[in-house]
Amino acid sequence: MLDAAFLSHVLLWFIGAMSVVGVVTMTGALILMGRTGYRKD
C-alpha cells in the first residue's frame, strides 16, 4: 500500500493543508491587528 504514488499524494495533501492553515492564520492575524489599530480606548 505504501508505494511511491501514495506517498507523493500524502505529501501533496500535507503541503496543501499546511498552506491553507497558514493563509487562514495570516488572514485572521491581519484582521485582528487591523481591528485593534482602529480602536482608541
N, C-alpha and C. Protein backbone atom coordinates (compact mmCIF):
# COMPACT_ATOMS: atom_id res chain seq x y z
N MET A 1 0.84 -1.21 0.00
CA MET A 1 0.00 0.00 0.00
C MET A 1 0.87 1.25 0.00
N LEU A 2 2.02 1.20 0.66
CA LEU A 2 2.87 2.39 0.73
C LEU A 2 3.81 2.45 -0.48
N ASP A 3 3.22 2.69 -1.64
CA ASP A 3 4.07 2.83 -2.82
C ASP A 3 4.39 4.31 -3.06
N ALA A 4 5.13 4.59 -4.12
CA ALA A 4 5.60 5.95 -4.35
C ALA A 4 4.44 6.90 -4.67
N ALA A 5 3.45 6.41 -5.42
CA ALA A 5 2.32 7.28 -5.77
C ALA A 5 1.54 7.68 -4.53
N PHE A 6 1.34 6.74 -3.62
CA PHE A 6 0.61 7.04 -2.39
C PHE A 6 1.37 8.05 -1.53
N LEU A 7 2.69 7.86 -1.43
CA LEU A 7 3.50 8.77 -0.61
C LEU A 7 3.51 10.18 -1.20
N SER A 8 3.60 10.30 -2.52
CA SER A 8 3.60 11.63 -3.12
C SER A 8 2.24 12.29 -2.95
N HIS A 9 1.18 11.49 -2.99
CA HIS A 9 -0.17 12.02 -2.78
C HIS A 9 -0.31 12.57 -1.36
N VAL A 10 0.17 11.78 -0.39
CA VAL A 10 0.09 12.23 1.01
C VAL A 10 0.92 13.49 1.21
N LEU A 11 2.10 13.55 0.59
CA LEU A 11 2.95 14.72 0.74
C LEU A 11 2.28 15.95 0.13
N LEU A 12 1.64 15.76 -1.02
CA LEU A 12 0.96 16.88 -1.67
C LEU A 12 -0.20 17.38 -0.80
N TRP A 13 -0.99 16.45 -0.25
CA TRP A 13 -2.09 16.86 0.61
C TRP A 13 -1.57 17.55 1.86
N PHE A 14 -0.44 17.06 2.40
CA PHE A 14 0.12 17.66 3.61
C PHE A 14 0.57 19.09 3.34
N ILE A 15 1.23 19.32 2.21
CA ILE A 15 1.67 20.66 1.86
C ILE A 15 0.46 21.57 1.62
N GLY A 16 -0.55 21.05 0.95
CA GLY A 16 -1.75 21.84 0.70
C GLY A 16 -2.45 22.22 1.99
N ALA A 17 -2.57 21.28 2.92
CA ALA A 17 -3.24 21.57 4.19
C ALA A 17 -2.44 22.59 4.99
N MET A 18 -1.11 22.47 4.98
CA MET A 18 -0.29 23.43 5.72
C MET A 18 -0.41 24.83 5.14
N SER A 19 -0.46 24.93 3.80
CA SER A 19 -0.57 26.26 3.20
C SER A 19 -1.95 26.86 3.49
N VAL A 20 -3.00 26.03 3.48
CA VAL A 20 -4.34 26.55 3.79
C VAL A 20 -4.39 27.05 5.24
N VAL A 21 -3.83 26.28 6.16
CA VAL A 21 -3.82 26.70 7.57
C VAL A 21 -3.01 27.99 7.72
N GLY A 22 -1.90 28.10 6.99
CA GLY A 22 -1.09 29.32 7.08
C GLY A 22 -1.82 30.53 6.56
N VAL A 23 -2.53 30.39 5.44
CA VAL A 23 -3.27 31.52 4.88
C VAL A 23 -4.38 31.95 5.82
N VAL A 24 -5.11 30.99 6.39
CA VAL A 24 -6.20 31.32 7.31
C VAL A 24 -5.65 32.02 8.56
N THR A 25 -4.54 31.50 9.09
CA THR A 25 -3.95 32.12 10.28
C THR A 25 -3.46 33.52 10.00
N MET A 26 -2.80 33.70 8.83
CA MET A 26 -2.30 35.03 8.49
C MET A 26 -3.45 36.02 8.29
N THR A 27 -4.51 35.58 7.63
CA THR A 27 -5.65 36.47 7.43
C THR A 27 -6.27 36.86 8.76
N GLY A 28 -6.45 35.89 9.63
CA GLY A 28 -7.02 36.20 10.94
C GLY A 28 -6.14 37.14 11.75
N ALA A 29 -4.84 36.96 11.70
CA ALA A 29 -3.93 37.83 12.44
C ALA A 29 -3.98 39.25 11.87
N LEU A 30 -4.01 39.37 10.54
CA LEU A 30 -4.07 40.70 9.94
C LEU A 30 -5.37 41.41 10.30
N ILE A 31 -6.49 40.68 10.28
CA ILE A 31 -7.77 41.29 10.63
C ILE A 31 -7.77 41.72 12.09
N LEU A 32 -7.25 40.86 12.97
CA LEU A 32 -7.22 41.21 14.39
C LEU A 32 -6.31 42.42 14.63
N MET A 33 -5.15 42.46 13.97
CA MET A 33 -4.24 43.59 14.15
C MET A 33 -4.87 44.87 13.61
N GLY A 34 -5.55 44.78 12.48
CA GLY A 34 -6.21 45.96 11.93
C GLY A 34 -7.32 46.47 12.82
N ARG A 35 -8.07 45.55 13.42
CA ARG A 35 -9.18 45.97 14.27
C ARG A 35 -8.67 46.61 15.55
N THR A 36 -7.59 46.09 16.14
CA THR A 36 -7.07 46.69 17.36
C THR A 36 -6.42 48.03 17.05
N GLY A 37 -5.95 48.23 15.84
CA GLY A 37 -5.34 49.51 15.47
C GLY A 37 -6.35 50.63 15.36
N TYR A 38 -7.57 50.29 14.98
CA TYR A 38 -8.59 51.33 14.82
C TYR A 38 -9.19 51.75 16.15
N ARG A 39 -9.14 50.87 17.14
CA ARG A 39 -9.77 51.18 18.40
C ARG A 39 -8.90 52.17 19.19
N LYS A 40 -9.55 53.16 19.78
CA LYS A 40 -8.80 54.16 20.57
C LYS A 40 -9.42 54.26 21.96
N ASP A 41 -9.06 53.27 22.81
CA ASP A 41 -9.60 53.34 24.15
C ASP A 41 -8.55 52.89 25.17
